[in-house]
């Protein structure tokens, strides 16, 4: 849970500086980490393997987007 809070905080911290596509994905990820997310609700506390793979794919996609933004920023500085 501590790691989810940290990750959610990091995403919310960088969200204002993101583009529209990245913001939409950031909002999706933050929504999945909220207390009313389907895998975290009081009726279902365990994340299934499919849920885990879904979140993993979204996190990988977000990481690739951020890496692309970083490379674009580095290239524009040169």
Protein backbone atom coordinates (compact mmCIF):
# COMPACT_ATOMS: atom_id res chain seq x y z
CA UNK A 1 0.00 0.00 0.00
CA UNK A 2 2.86 2.35 0.81
CA UNK A 3 4.26 1.92 -2.69
CA UNK A 4 0.86 2.64 -4.24
CA UNK A 5 0.62 5.89 -2.28
CA UNK A 6 4.12 6.87 -3.41
CA UNK A 7 3.41 6.05 -7.03
CA UNK A 8 0.10 7.91 -6.96
CA UNK A 9 1.88 10.93 -5.46
CA UNK A 10 4.61 10.86 -8.11
CA UNK A 11 2.07 10.67 -10.92
CA UNK A 12 -0.01 13.51 -9.47
CA UNK A 13 3.18 15.56 -9.04
CA UNK A 14 4.22 15.35 -12.70
CA UNK A 15 0.69 15.42 -14.15
CA UNK A 16 0.50 19.24 -14.67
CA UNK A 17 3.52 19.17 -16.99
CA UNK A 18 2.22 16.32 -19.19
CA UNK A 19 0.53 16.49 -22.56
CA UNK A 20 -3.08 15.46 -23.15
CA UNK A 21 -2.31 11.81 -24.00
CA UNK A 22 -0.03 11.41 -21.01
CA UNK A 23 -2.53 13.12 -18.68
CA UNK A 24 -5.29 10.76 -19.77
CA UNK A 25 -3.11 7.74 -19.01
CA UNK A 26 -1.98 9.28 -15.72
CA UNK A 27 -5.63 9.80 -14.73
CA UNK A 28 -6.40 6.17 -15.59
CA UNK A 29 -3.51 4.93 -13.45
CA UNK A 30 -4.44 7.16 -10.51
CA UNK A 31 -8.04 5.95 -10.83
CA UNK A 32 -6.88 2.35 -10.63
CA UNK A 33 -5.01 3.19 -7.42
CA UNK A 34 -8.00 4.78 -5.73
CA UNK A 35 -9.84 3.09 -2.90
CA UNK A 36 -12.94 2.52 -4.99
CA UNK A 37 -11.09 0.70 -7.76
CA UNK A 38 -12.70 -2.63 -8.53
CA UNK A 39 -9.74 -4.66 -7.27
CA UNK A 40 -9.40 -2.68 -4.07
CA UNK A 41 -13.07 -2.37 -3.08
CA UNK A 42 -14.30 -3.80 0.19
CA UNK A 43 -16.05 -6.64 -1.61
CA UNK A 44 -12.96 -7.78 -3.50
CA UNK A 45 -9.59 -7.19 -1.90
CA UNK A 46 -7.39 -9.40 -4.06
CA UNK A 47 -6.10 -8.34 -7.42
CA UNK A 48 -6.42 -11.10 -9.99
CA UNK A 49 -3.61 -12.02 -12.34
CA UNK A 50 -5.48 -10.37 -15.23
CA UNK A 51 -5.85 -7.17 -13.20
CA UNK A 52 -2.14 -7.24 -12.44
CA UNK A 53 -1.19 -7.67 -16.10
CA UNK A 54 -3.55 -4.86 -17.10
CA UNK A 55 -2.00 -2.44 -14.61
CA UNK A 56 1.48 -3.61 -15.61
CA UNK A 57 0.76 -2.90 -19.28
CA UNK A 58 -0.54 0.57 -18.46
CA UNK A 59 2.49 1.33 -16.27
CA UNK A 60 4.85 0.18 -19.04
CA UNK A 61 3.00 2.34 -21.56
CA UNK A 62 3.23 5.33 -19.20
CA UNK A 63 6.94 4.71 -18.64
CA UNK A 64 7.57 4.62 -22.41
CA UNK A 65 5.62 7.86 -22.85
CA UNK A 66 7.63 9.58 -20.12
CA UNK A 67 10.89 8.30 -21.61
CA UNK A 68 9.88 9.71 -24.98
CA UNK A 69 9.08 13.08 -23.43
CA UNK A 70 12.42 13.08 -21.65
CA UNK A 71 14.28 12.33 -24.89
CA UNK A 72 12.35 15.07 -26.71
CA UNK A 73 13.24 17.56 -23.97
CA UNK A 74 16.92 16.56 -24.10
CA UNK A 75 16.98 16.90 -27.90
CA UNK A 76 15.38 20.35 -27.77
CA UNK A 77 18.06 21.55 -25.33
CA UNK A 78 20.88 20.74 -27.75
